[in-house]
PDB file of N, CA and C in Angstrom:
ATOM      1  N   MET A   1      65.439  51.204  72.779  1.00  0.00           N
ATOM      2  CA  MET A   1      67.409  51.609  73.135  1.00  0.00           C
ATOM      3  C   MET A   1      67.950  50.952  71.643  1.00  0.00           C
ATOM      4  N   LYS A   2      68.469  51.980  71.314  1.00  0.00           N
ATOM      5  CA  LYS A   2      69.705  51.283  69.986  1.00  0.00           C
ATOM      6  C   LYS A   2      70.745  50.476  70.344  1.00  0.00           C
ATOM      7  N   ARG A   3      71.464  50.124  69.585  1.00  0.00           N
ATOM      8  CA  ARG A   3      72.842  49.990  70.125  1.00  0.00           C
ATOM      9  C   ARG A   3      73.960  50.741  70.764  1.00  0.00           C
ATOM     10  N   ILE A   4      74.042  52.049  70.448  1.00  0.00           N
ATOM     11  CA  ILE A   4      75.218  52.357  71.074  1.00  0.00           C
ATOM     12  C   ILE A   4      74.470  53.241  72.337  1.00  0.00           C
ATOM     13  N   SER A   5      73.644  53.150  71.881  1.00  0.00           N
ATOM     14  CA  SER A   5      73.158  53.498  73.794  1.00  0.00           C
ATOM     15  C   SER A   5      72.955  52.475  75.234  1.00  0.00           C
ATOM     16  N   LEU A   6      73.097  51.079  74.076  1.00  0.00           N
ATOM     17  CA  LEU A   6      73.158  50.053  74.948  1.00  0.00           C
ATOM     18  C   LEU A   6      75.008  50.108  75.751  1.00  0.00           C
ATOM     19  N   PHE A   7      75.752  50.068  74.899  1.00  0.00           N
ATOM     20  CA  PHE A   7      77.337  50.150  74.857  1.00  0.00           C
ATOM     21  C   PHE A   7      77.474  51.021  75.699  1.00  0.00           C
ATOM     22  N   ALA A   8      76.635  52.216  75.982  1.00  0.00           N
ATOM     23  CA  ALA A   8      77.836  52.998  75.831  1.00  0.00           C
ATOM     24  C   ALA A   8      77.012  53.205  78.475  1.00  0.00           C
ATOM     25  N   ALA A   9      75.479  52.498  78.293  1.00  0.00           N
ATOM     26  CA  ALA A   9      75.150  52.293  79.806  1.00  0.00           C
ATOM     27  C   ALA A   9      76.151  51.236  79.570  1.00  0.00           C
ATOM     28  N   LEU A  10      75.908  50.323  79.131  1.00  0.00           N
ATOM     29  CA  LEU A  10      77.616  49.127  80.144  1.00  0.00           C
ATOM     30  C   LEU A  10      78.665  50.015  80.159  1.00  0.00           C
ATOM     31  N   PHE A  11      79.526  50.242  79.018  1.00  0.00           N
ATOM     32  CA  PHE A  11      80.646  51.006  79.801  1.00  0.00           C
ATOM     33  C   PHE A  11      80.725  51.985  81.179  1.00  0.00           C
ATOM     34  N   ALA A  12      79.839  52.480  80.861  1.00  0.00           N
ATOM     35  CA  ALA A  12      79.563  53.270  81.939  1.00  0.00           C
ATOM     36  C   ALA A  12      79.445  52.539  83.453  1.00  0.00           C
ATOM     37  N   ALA A  13      77.900  51.925  83.298  1.00  0.00           N
ATOM     38  CA  ALA A  13      77.974  50.418  84.353  1.00  0.00           C
ATOM     39  C   ALA A  13      78.959  49.558  85.211  1.00  0.00           C
ATOM     40  N   THR A  14      80.274  49.156  84.629  1.00  0.00           N
ATOM     41  CA  THR A  14      81.916  49.143  84.148  1.00  0.00           C
ATOM     42  C   THR A  14      82.490  49.473  85.336  1.00  0.00           C
ATOM     43  N   GLY A  15      82.932  50.780  84.627  1.00  0.00           N
ATOM     44  CA  GLY A  15      83.177  51.760  85.009  1.00  0.00           C
ATOM     45  C   GLY A  15      83.611  52.382  86.694  1.00  0.00           C
ATOM     46  N   ILE A  16      82.257  52.190  86.557  1.00  0.00           N
ATOM     47  CA  ILE A  16      80.888  52.643  88.181  1.00  0.00           C
ATOM     48  C   ILE A  16      82.136  51.504  88.797  1.00  0.00           C
ATOM     49  N   VAL A  17      81.686  50.366  88.722  1.00  0.00           N
ATOM     50  CA  VAL A  17      81.804  49.807  89.287  1.00  0.00           C
ATOM     51  C   VAL A  17      83.424  49.482  89.010  1.00  0.00           C
ATOM     52  N   LEU A  18      84.120  49.604  88.515  1.00  0.00           N
ATOM     53  CA  LEU A  18      85.388  48.980  89.210  1.00  0.00           C
ATOM     54  C   LEU A  18      86.187  50.225  89.624  1.00  0.00           C
ATOM     55  N   MET A  19      86.001  51.145  89.340  1.00  0.00           N
ATOM     56  CA  MET A  19      86.270  52.649  90.330  1.00  0.00           C
ATOM     57  C   MET A  19      85.760  52.103  91.685  1.00  0.00           C
ATOM     58  N   GLY A  20      84.304  52.131  92.288  1.00  0.00           N
ATOM     59  CA  GLY A  20      83.446  51.692  93.261  1.00  0.00           C
ATOM     60  C   GLY A  20      84.449  50.580  94.306  1.00  0.00           C
ATOM     61  N   ILE A  21      84.682  49.533  93.338  1.00  0.00           N
ATOM     62  CA  ILE A  21      85.856  47.988  94.016  1.00  0.00           C
ATOM     63  C   ILE A  21      87.288  48.901  94.534  1.00  0.00           C
ATOM     64  N   ALA A  22      88.093  49.915  93.623  1.00  0.00           N
ATOM     65  CA  ALA A  22      89.236  50.255  93.670  1.00  0.00           C
ATOM     66  C   ALA A  22      88.886  51.348  95.126  1.00  0.00           C
ATOM     67  N   PHE A  23      88.177  51.824  95.777  1.00  0.00           N
ATOM     68  CA  PHE A  23      87.340  52.803  96.228  1.00  0.00           C
ATOM     69  C   PHE A  23      87.007  51.864  97.479  1.00  0.00           C
ATOM     70  N   ALA A  24      86.612  51.040  97.697  1.00  0.00           N
ATOM     71  CA  ALA A  24      86.084  49.452  98.491  1.00  0.00           C
ATOM     72  C   ALA A  24      87.043  48.997  99.208  1.00  0.00           C
ATOM     73  N   TYR A  25      88.137  48.564  98.078  1.00  0.00           N
ATOM     74  CA  TYR A  25      89.082  47.371  98.494  1.00  0.00           C
ATOM     75  C   TYR A  25      90.584  48.299  98.042  1.00  0.00           C
ATOM     76  N   PRO A  26      91.178  48.713  99.030  1.00  0.00           N
ATOM     77  CA  PRO A  26      92.131  49.488  98.171  1.00  0.00           C
ATOM     78  C   PRO A  26      93.578  48.747  98.148  1.00  0.00           C
ATOM     79  N   TYR A  27      93.632  47.781  97.543  1.00  0.00           N
ATOM     80  CA  TYR A  27      94.708  47.265  97.826  1.00  0.00           C
ATOM     81  C   TYR A  27      95.937  48.096  96.926  1.00  0.00           C
ATOM     82  N   PRO A  28      97.120  48.378  97.423  1.00  0.00           N
ATOM     83  CA  PRO A  28      98.209  49.421  96.627  1.00  0.00           C
ATOM     84  C   PRO A  28      98.216  48.074  95.811  1.00  0.00           C
ATOM     85  N   SER A  29      98.081  47.403  94.791  1.00  0.00           N
ATOM     86  CA  SER A  29      98.051  46.706  93.428  1.00  0.00           C
ATOM     87  C   SER A  29      97.361  46.908  92.906  1.00  0.00           C
ATOM     88  N   PHE A  30      95.958  47.122  93.200  1.00  0.00           N
ATOM     89  CA  PHE A  30      94.765  47.438  92.072  1.00  0.00           C
ATOM     90  C   PHE A  30      94.182  48.858  92.786  1.00  0.00           C
ATOM     91  N   LEU A  31      94.678  49.094  93.059  1.00  0.00           N
ATOM     92  CA  LEU A  31      94.127  50.517  93.561  1.00  0.00           C
ATOM     93  C   LEU A  31      93.880  51.659  92.122  1.00  0.00           C
ATOM     94  N   GLU A  32      94.907  52.207  91.626  1.00  0.00           N
ATOM     95  CA  GLU A  32      95.765  52.638  90.555  1.00  0.00           C
ATOM     96  C   GLU A  32      95.192  52.318  89.418  1.00  0.00           C
ATOM     97  N   PRO A  33      95.764  50.598  88.846  1.00  0.00           N
ATOM     98  CA  PRO A  33      94.583  50.462  87.301  1.00  0.00           C
ATOM     99  C   PRO A  33      93.313  49.562  87.970  1.00  0.00           C
ATOM    100  N   GLY A  34      92.557  50.171  88.949  1.00  0.00           N
ATOM    101  CA  GLY A  34      91.019  50.003  88.971  1.00  0.00           C
ATOM    102  C   GLY A  34      90.386  51.235  88.487  1.00  0.00           C
ATOM    103  N   MET A  35      91.375  52.029  89.222  1.00  0.00           N
ATOM    104  CA  MET A  35      90.648  53.571  88.862  1.00  0.00           C
ATOM    105  C   MET A  35      90.847  53.850  87.594  1.00  0.00           C
ATOM    106  N   LEU A  36      92.207  53.424  86.597  1.00  0.00           N
ATOM    107  CA  LEU A  36      92.821  53.917  85.321  1.00  0.00           C
ATOM    108  C   LEU A  36      91.370  53.113  84.385  1.00  0.00           C
ATOM    109  N   PHE A  37      91.550  52.110  84.605  1.00  0.00           N
ATOM    110  CA  PHE A  37      90.254  51.299  83.806  1.00  0.00           C
ATOM    111  C   PHE A  37      88.814  51.608  84.083  1.00  0.00           C
ATOM    112  N   GLY A  38      88.707  52.006  85.061  1.00  0.00           N
ATOM    113  CA  GLY A  38      87.211  51.742  85.740  1.00  0.00           C
ATOM    114  C   GLY A  38      86.852  53.930  84.576  1.00  0.00           C
ATOM    115  N   PHE A  39      87.911  54.801  84.738  1.00  0.00           N
ATOM    116  CA  PHE A  39      87.499  55.601  84.203  1.00  0.00           C
ATOM    117  C   PHE A  39      87.662  55.981  82.898  1.00  0.00           C
ATOM    118  N   ALA A  40      88.401  55.458  82.537  1.00  0.00           N
ATOM    119  CA  ALA A  40      88.927  55.148  81.066  1.00  0.00           C
ATOM    120  C   ALA A  40      87.034  54.506  80.449  1.00  0.00           C
ATOM    121  N   SER A  41      86.842  53.496  81.158  1.00  0.00           N
ATOM    122  CA  SER A  41      85.529  52.894  80.832  1.00  0.00           C
ATOM    123  C   SER A  41      84.142  54.128  80.838  1.00  0.00           C
ATOM    124  N   LEU A  42      84.361  54.572  82.130  1.00  0.00           N
ATOM    125  CA  LEU A  42      83.178  55.415  82.346  1.00  0.00           C
ATOM    126  C   LEU A  42      83.625  56.692  81.295  1.00  0.00           C
ATOM    127  N   ALA A  43      84.406  56.556  80.471  1.00  0.00           N
ATOM    128  CA  ALA A  43      84.641  57.625  79.780  1.00  0.00           C
ATOM    129  C   ALA A  43      84.290  57.895  78.518  1.00  0.00           C
ATOM    130  N   LEU A  44      84.722  56.343  78.000  1.00  0.00           N
ATOM    131  CA  LEU A  44      84.166  56.023  76.746  1.00  0.00           C
ATOM    132  C   LEU A  44      82.467  55.513  76.575  1.00  0.00           C
ATOM    133  N   GLY A  45      82.416  55.239  77.843  1.00  0.00           N
ATOM    134  CA  GLY A  45      80.849  55.054  77.527  1.00  0.00           C
ATOM    135  C   GLY A  45      80.127  57.026  77.489  1.00  0.00           C
ATOM    136  N   ALA A  46      80.535  57.414  78.063  1.00  0.00           N
ATOM    137  CA  ALA A  46      80.394  59.112  77.534  1.00  0.00           C
ATOM    138  C   ALA A  46      80.656  59.255  76.756  1.00  0.00           C
ATOM    139  N   CYS A  47      81.839  59.018  76.016  1.00  0.00           N
ATOM    140  CA  CYS A  47      81.745  59.425  74.311  1.00  0.00           C
ATOM    141  C   CYS A  47      80.823  58.224  73.533  1.00  0.00           C
ATOM    142  N   LEU A  48      80.264  57.485  74.112  1.00  0.00           N
ATOM    143  CA  LEU A  48      79.548  56.742  72.986  1.00  0.00           C
ATOM    144  C   LEU A  48      78.188  57.428  73.478  1.00  0.00           C
ATOM    145  N   SER A  49      77.501  58.494  74.683  1.00  0.00           N
ATOM    146  CA  SER A  49      76.677  58.640  74.360  1.00  0.00           C
ATOM    147  C   SER A  49      76.566  59.824  73.880  1.00  0.00           C
ATOM    148  N   PHE A  50      77.209  60.449  73.527  1.00  0.00           N
ATOM    149  CA  PHE A  50      77.279  61.852  72.766  1.00  0.00           C
ATOM    150  C   PHE A  50      77.482  61.362  71.542  1.00  0.00           C
ATOM    151  N   TRP A  51      78.023  60.068  71.092  1.00  0.00           N
ATOM    152  CA  TRP A  51      77.232  59.757  69.742  1.00  0.00           C
ATOM    153  C   TRP A  51      76.098  59.235  69.726  1.00  0.00           C
ATOM    154  N   ALA A  52      75.506  58.553  70.734  1.00  0.00           N
ATOM    155  CA  ALA A  52      74.265  58.577  70.363  1.00  0.00           C
ATOM    156  C   ALA A  52      73.362  59.480  70.151  1.00  0.00           C
ATOM    157  N   PHE A  53      73.692  60.825  71.332  1.00  0.00           N
ATOM    158  CA  PHE A  53      73.233  62.062  70.936  1.00  0.00           C
ATOM    159  C   PHE A  53      72.860  62.703  69.671  1.00  0.00           C
ATOM    160  N   ILE A  54      74.149  62.565  69.049  1.00  0.00           N
ATOM    161  CA  ILE A  54      74.347  63.086  67.474  1.00  0.00           C
ATOM    162  C   ILE A  54      73.529  62.336  66.619  1.00  0.00           C
ATOM    163  N   LYS A  55      73.955  60.807  67.097  1.00  0.00           N
ATOM    164  CA  LYS A  55      72.871  60.232  65.526  1.00  0.00           C
ATOM    165  C   LYS A  55      71.287  59.841  66.169  1.00  0.00           C
ATOM    166  N   LYS A  56      70.374  60.933  67.408  1.00  0.00           N
ATOM    167  CA  LYS A  56      69.810  60.855  67.682  1.00  0.00           C
ATOM    168  C   LYS A  56      68.788  60.297  67.898  1.00  0.00           C
ATOM    169  N   GLU A  57      69.224  59.334  69.208  1.00  0.00           N
ATOM    170  CA  GLU A  57      69.280  57.430  68.893  1.00  0.00           C
ATOM    171  C   GLU A  57      67.302  57.932  70.193  1.00  0.00           C
ATOM    172  N   GLN A  58      67.117  57.268  70.573  1.00  0.00           N
ATOM    173  CA  GLN A  58      65.591  57.468  71.131  1.00  0.00           C
ATOM    174  C   GLN A  58      65.618  56.817  72.116  1.00  0.00           C
ATOM    175  N   GLY A  59      65.412  57.118  73.652  1.00  0.00           N
ATOM    176  CA  GLY A  59      65.315  56.937  74.711  1.00  0.00           C
ATOM    177  C   GLY A  59      66.127  58.031  76.102  1.00  0.00           C
ATOM    178  N   THR A  60      66.242  57.258  77.095  1.00  0.00           N
ATOM    179  CA  THR A  60      66.153  58.203  77.650  1.00  0.00           C
ATOM    180  C   THR A  60      67.727  57.326  78.401  1.00  0.00           C
ATOM    181  N   MET A  61      67.956  56.313  78.194  1.00  0.00           N
ATOM    182  CA  MET A  61      69.034  56.190  78.745  1.00  0.00           C
ATOM    183  C   MET A  61      70.957  56.569  78.027  1.00  0.00           C
ATOM    184  N   LYS A  62      70.796  57.132  77.346  1.00  0.00           N
ATOM    185  CA  LYS A  62      71.750  57.939  76.492  1.00  0.00           C
ATOM    186  C   LYS A  62      72.652  58.929  77.628  1.00  0.00           C
ATOM    187  N   LEU A  63      71.169  59.440  78.094  1.00  0.00           N
ATOM    188  CA  LEU A  63      71.832  59.966  78.999  1.00  0.00           C
ATOM    189  C   LEU A  63      72.702  59.633  80.751  1.00  0.00           C
ATOM    190  N   PHE A  64      72.450  58.722  81.136  1.00  0.00           N
ATOM    191  CA  PHE A  64      73.015  58.048  81.914  1.00  0.00           C
ATOM    192  C   PHE A  64      74.788  58.083  82.032  1.00  0.00           C
ATOM    193  N   PRO A  65      75.228  57.561  81.305  1.00  0.00           N
ATOM    194  CA  PRO A  65      76.324  57.667  81.590  1.00  0.00           C
ATOM    195  C   PRO A  65      76.983  59.325  81.348  1.00  0.00           C
ATOM    196  N   VAL A  66      76.883  59.936  81.093  1.00  0.00           N
ATOM    197  CA  VAL A  66      76.522  61.752  80.741  1.00  0.00           C
ATOM    198  C   VAL A  66      76.928  62.217  81.808  1.00  0.00           C
ATOM    199  N   LEU A  67      75.878  61.322  83.430  1.00  0.00           N
ATOM    200  CA  LEU A  67      75.593  61.871  83.921  1.00  0.00           C
ATOM    201  C   LEU A  67      76.558  61.483  85.295  1.00  0.00           C
ATOM    202  N   ALA A  68      76.878  59.974  84.823  1.00  0.00           N
ATOM    203  CA  ALA A  68      77.398  59.174  85.946  1.00  0.00           C
ATOM    204  C   ALA A  68      78.974  59.642  85.901  1.00  0.00           C
ATOM    205  N   LEU A  69      79.364  60.004  84.518  1.00  0.00           N
ATOM    206  CA  LEU A  69      81.043  60.756  84.521  1.00  0.00           C
ATOM    207  C   LEU A  69      81.596  61.832  85.443  1.00  0.00           C
ATOM    208  N   ALA A  70      79.699  62.992  85.654  1.00  0.00           N
ATOM    209  CA  ALA A  70      79.943  64.093  86.074  1.00  0.00           C
ATOM    210  C   ALA A  70      79.889  63.720  87.634  1.00  0.00           C
ATOM    211  N   VAL A  71      79.363  62.962  88.060  1.00  0.00           N
ATOM    212  CA  VAL A  71      78.938  63.037  89.355  1.00  0.00           C
ATOM    213  C   VAL A  71      79.911  62.537  89.745  1.00  0.00           C
ATOM    214  N   VAL A  72      80.629  60.694  89.322  1.00  0.00           N
ATOM    215  CA  VAL A  72      82.061  60.254  89.346  1.00  0.00           C
ATOM    216  C   VAL A  72      83.736  61.279  89.616  1.00  0.00           C
ATOM    217  N   ALA A  73      83.155  62.407  88.730  1.00  0.00           N
ATOM    218  CA  ALA A  73      84.561  63.228  88.645  1.00  0.00           C
ATOM    219  C   ALA A  73      84.282  63.966  89.728  1.00  0.00           C
ATOM    220  N   PHE A  74      83.315  64.811  89.725  1.00  0.00           N
ATOM    221  CA  PHE A  74      83.012  65.377  91.125  1.00  0.00           C
ATOM    222  C   PHE A  74      82.793  65.292  92.401  1.00  0.00           C
ATOM    223  N   ALA A  75      83.075  63.430  92.665  1.00  0.00           N
ATOM    224  CA  ALA A  75      82.674  62.686  93.915  1.00  0.00           C
ATOM    225  C   ALA A  75      84.299  62.745  94.025  1.00  0.00           C
ATOM    226  N   ILE A  76      85.201  62.175  93.273  1.00  0.00           N
ATOM    227  CA  ILE A  76      86.139  62.399  93.245  1.00  0.00           C
ATOM    228  C   ILE A  76      87.502  63.384  93.416  1.00  0.00           C
ATOM    229  N   THR A  77      86.715  64.498  93.281  1.00  0.00           N
ATOM    230  CA  THR A  77      87.627  65.896  92.900  1.00  0.00           C
ATOM    231  C   THR A  77      87.395  66.062  94.679  1.00  0.00           C
ATOM    232  N   TRP A  78      86.142  65.686  94.850  1.00  0.00           N
ATOM    233  CA  TRP A  78      85.486  66.340  96.507  1.00  0.00           C
ATOM    234  C   TRP A  78      86.058  65.355  97.326  1.00  0.00           C
ATOM    235  N   PHE A  79      86.110  64.351  97.392  1.00  0.00           N
ATOM    236  CA  PHE A  79      86.429  63.491  98.950  1.00  0.00           C
ATOM    237  C   PHE A  79      88.256  63.299  98.559  1.00  0.00           C
ATOM    238  N   ASP A  80      88.071  62.759  97.018  1.00  0.00           N
ATOM    239  CA  ASP A  80      89.703  62.116  97.434  1.00  0.00           C
ATOM    240  C   ASP A  80      90.445  62.886  96.524  1.00  0.00           C
ATOM    241  N   PRO A  81      90.543  64.212  95.841  1.00  0.00           N
ATOM    242  CA  PRO A  81      91.690  64.545  94.464  1.00  0.00           C
ATOM    243  C   PRO A  81      93.158  64.095  94.736  1.00  0.00           C
ATOM    244  N   PHE A  82      93.540  63.984  95.604  1.00  0.00           N
ATOM    245  CA  PHE A  82      94.899  63.175  95.627  1.00  0.00           C
ATOM    246  C   PHE A  82      95.197  61.938  94.633  1.00  0.00           C
ATOM    247  N   SER A  83      93.813  61.161  94.557  1.00  0.00           N
ATOM    248  CA  SER A  83      93.858  60.155  93.871  1.00  0.00           C
ATOM    249  C   SER A  83      94.138  60.460  92.333  1.00  0.00           C
ATOM    250  N   ILE A  84      93.906  61.476  91.940  1.00  0.00           N
ATOM    251  CA  ILE A  84      93.793  61.705  90.693  1.00  0.00           C
ATOM    252  C   ILE A  84      95.179  61.841  90.015  1.00  0.00           C
ATOM    253  N   LEU A  85      95.820  62.546  91.226  1.00  0.00           N
ATOM    254  CA  LEU A  85      97.180  63.362  90.948  1.00  0.00           C
ATOM    255  C   LEU A  85      97.956  62.192  90.967  1.00  0.00           C
ATOM    256  N   ARG A  86      97.251  61.204  91.533  1.00  0.00           N
ATOM    257  CA  ARG A  86      98.598  59.853  92.150  1.00  0.00           C
ATOM    258  C   ARG A  86      98.228  58.865  90.706  1.00  0.00           C
ATOM    259  N   MET A  87      96.901  59.069  89.784  1.00  0.00           N
ATOM    260  CA  MET A  87      96.835  58.077  88.683  1.00  0.00           C
ATOM    261  C   MET A  87      97.239  58.515  87.904  1.00  0.00           C
ATOM    262  N   LEU A  88      97.640  60.114  87.688  1.00  0.00           N
ATOM    263  CA  LEU A  88      98.378  60.622  87.225  1.00  0.00           C
ATOM    264  C   LEU A  88      99.371  60.491  86.840  1.00  0.00           C
ATOM    265  N   THR A  89     100.730  60.376  88.177  1.00  0.00           N
ATOM    266  CA  THR A  89     101.641  59.823  88.267  1.00  0.00           C
ATOM    267  C   THR A  89     102.049  58.998  87.435  1.00  0.00           C
ATOM    268  N   TRP A  90     100.999  57.206  88.301  1.00  0.00           N
ATOM    269  CA  TRP A  90     101.365  56.468  87.850  1.00  0.00           C
ATOM    270  C   TRP A  90     100.991  56.417  85.806  1.00  0.00           C
ATOM    271  N   LEU A  91     100.300  57.228  85.640  1.00  0.00           N
ATOM    272  CA  LEU A  91     100.871  57.074  84.025  1.00  0.00           C
ATOM    273  C   LEU A  91     101.999  57.593  83.026  1.00  0.00           C
ATOM    274  N   LYS A  92     101.800  58.513  84.173  1.00  0.00           N
ATOM    275  CA  LYS A  92     103.233  59.049  83.335  1.00  0.00           C
ATOM    276  C   LYS A  92     105.056  58.446  83.591  1.00  0.00           C
ATOM    277  N   ASN A  93     105.173  57.322  84.706  1.00  0.00           N
ATOM    278  CA  ASN A  93     105.886  56.329  84.862  1.00  0.00           C
ATOM    279  C   ASN A  93     105.817  55.587  84.366  1.00  0.00           C
TER     280      ASN A  93
END
């Protein structure tokens, strides 16, 4: 596993943990920033994963961030679709 794949997996895991904490302990002061930083970290991990695909790095760990982003995005829109609207409203203000 190369360095880009390692960073992609690290950012994806960080994003999943932050979003999980935001859902498990929905403190009003942490929900929106936790979701924002978690999703941003997950998206950065997916971008690094695509970069690892382009560079043709060895290993299957580069698949984890892309799959995690797809699963988490689907779960958010399926179970709590208004979280995305709340986060976008928070970003706009």
